[in-house]
Amino acid sequence: MQYTNGTQKFLYEKFSYVTTTKYGKSTILSIWLIYIAVSIWGASKVDIDFKNTYFIGEDANVRDYLERQEEYYKSGETINIIVDNEEADFTSEES
């Protein structure tokens, strides 16, 4: 067989035979499983921080508005209150 370069010769004569043995298959499978496990672990550590200003240019007027709105009007933490009472009617003015 005629090879055009040394890489083809190495891949055909050495690498293909090593990767098709039982040891080669188990090595490739092990490396792949470790890669998947590390990828899943890394994806679970990603911190999601979304702001609308990420998509607006630095010199846009609306960016100044959004930054000032966040600075002056956003204070404290968001609290969700859940009321478990079927008798209460929160759509009426009395409530």
Protein backbone atom coordinates (compact mmCIF):
# COMPACT_ATOMS: atom_id res chain seq x y z
CA MET A 1 0.00 0.00 0.00
CA GLN A 2 1.28 3.46 -0.90
CA TYR A 3 1.11 6.21 1.76
CA THR A 4 1.31 9.90 0.94
CA ASN A 5 2.86 10.86 4.30
CA GLY A 6 4.00 9.46 7.62
CA THR A 7 0.76 10.32 9.36
CA GLN A 8 -1.25 8.03 7.10
CA LYS A 9 1.22 5.24 7.63
CA PHE A 10 1.11 5.67 11.43
CA LEU A 11 -2.71 5.80 11.52
CA TYR A 12 -3.09 2.72 9.33
CA GLU A 13 -0.30 0.51 10.65
CA LYS A 14 -0.21 1.39 14.37
CA PHE A 15 -3.09 3.49 15.63
CA SER A 16 -5.94 1.57 13.97
CA TYR A 17 -4.75 -1.75 15.36
CA VAL A 18 -4.17 -0.42 18.88
CA THR A 19 -7.62 1.21 19.09
CA THR A 20 -9.47 -1.89 17.92
CA THR A 21 -8.05 -4.21 20.57
CA LYS A 22 -9.96 -4.88 23.81
CA TYR A 23 -7.43 -2.77 25.73
CA GLY A 24 -7.74 0.07 23.22
CA LYS A 25 -11.54 0.01 23.29
CA SER A 26 -11.65 0.03 27.09
CA THR A 27 -9.12 2.87 27.21
CA ILE A 28 -11.11 4.98 24.77
CA LEU A 29 -14.37 4.23 26.62
CA SER A 30 -12.77 5.13 29.97
CA ILE A 31 -11.42 8.42 28.63
CA TRP A 32 -14.82 9.23 27.11
CA LEU A 33 -16.67 8.49 30.39
CA ILE A 34 -14.22 10.64 32.37
CA TYR A 35 -14.70 13.45 29.87
CA ILE A 36 -18.50 13.22 30.14
CA ALA A 37 -18.34 13.17 33.96
CA VAL A 38 -16.06 16.24 34.05
CA SER A 39 -18.29 18.01 31.53
CA ILE A 40 -21.41 17.37 33.61
CA TRP A 41 -19.64 18.52 36.77
CA GLY A 42 -18.44 21.67 35.01
CA ALA A 43 -21.91 22.43 33.64
CA SER A 44 -23.34 22.16 37.16
CA LYS A 45 -20.84 24.78 38.38
CA VAL A 46 -21.80 27.42 35.78
CA ASP A 47 -23.11 30.58 37.43
CA ILE A 48 -25.93 32.21 35.49
CA ASP A 49 -25.79 36.00 35.71
CA PHE A 50 -28.12 37.65 33.22
CA LYS A 51 -28.56 41.37 32.78
CA ASN A 52 -30.22 43.22 29.91
CA THR A 53 -27.27 45.60 29.75
CA TYR A 54 -25.06 42.79 28.42
CA PHE A 55 -26.75 43.18 25.02
CA ILE A 56 -26.73 46.99 24.87
CA GLY A 57 -23.80 49.06 23.66
CA GLU A 58 -21.72 51.11 26.11
CA ASP A 59 -22.73 54.45 24.55
CA ALA A 60 -26.50 53.77 24.25
CA ASN A 61 -28.83 56.09 26.16
CA VAL A 62 -31.03 53.24 27.28
CA ARG A 63 -28.03 51.64 29.01
CA ASP A 64 -27.65 54.71 31.24
CA TYR A 65 -31.35 54.48 32.09
CA LEU A 66 -31.13 50.78 32.98
CA GLU A 67 -27.99 51.26 35.11
CA ARG A 68 -29.56 54.14 37.04
CA GLN A 69 -32.78 52.21 37.50
CA GLU A 70 -30.85 49.29 38.95
CA GLU A 71 -28.74 51.56 41.17
CA TYR A 72 -31.55 53.65 42.66
CA TYR A 73 -34.66 51.47 42.54
CA LYS A 74 -33.42 47.97 43.14
CA SER A 75 -32.79 47.38 46.80
CA GLY A 76 -33.13 44.34 48.98
CA GLU A 77 -34.03 40.85 48.01
CA THR A 78 -37.05 39.46 46.18
CA ILE A 79 -39.37 37.58 48.48
CA ASN A 80 -42.09 35.19 47.34
CA ILE A 81 -45.01 34.77 49.71
CA ILE A 82 -47.25 31.75 49.25
CA VAL A 83 -50.66 31.73 50.96
CA ASP A 84 -52.32 28.36 51.25
CA ASN A 85 -55.90 29.42 51.92
CA GLU A 86 -58.63 28.55 49.46
CA GLU A 87 -61.19 30.76 51.22
CA ALA A 88 -59.24 34.00 50.81
CA ASP A 89 -60.18 36.08 47.76
CA PHE A 90 -57.24 38.29 46.87
CA THR A 91 -59.00 39.79 43.86
CA SER A 92 -61.43 41.83 45.97
CA GLU A 93 -60.71 45.33 47.30
CA GLU A 94 -61.21 44.23 50.91
CA SER A 95 -58.30 41.82 50.75
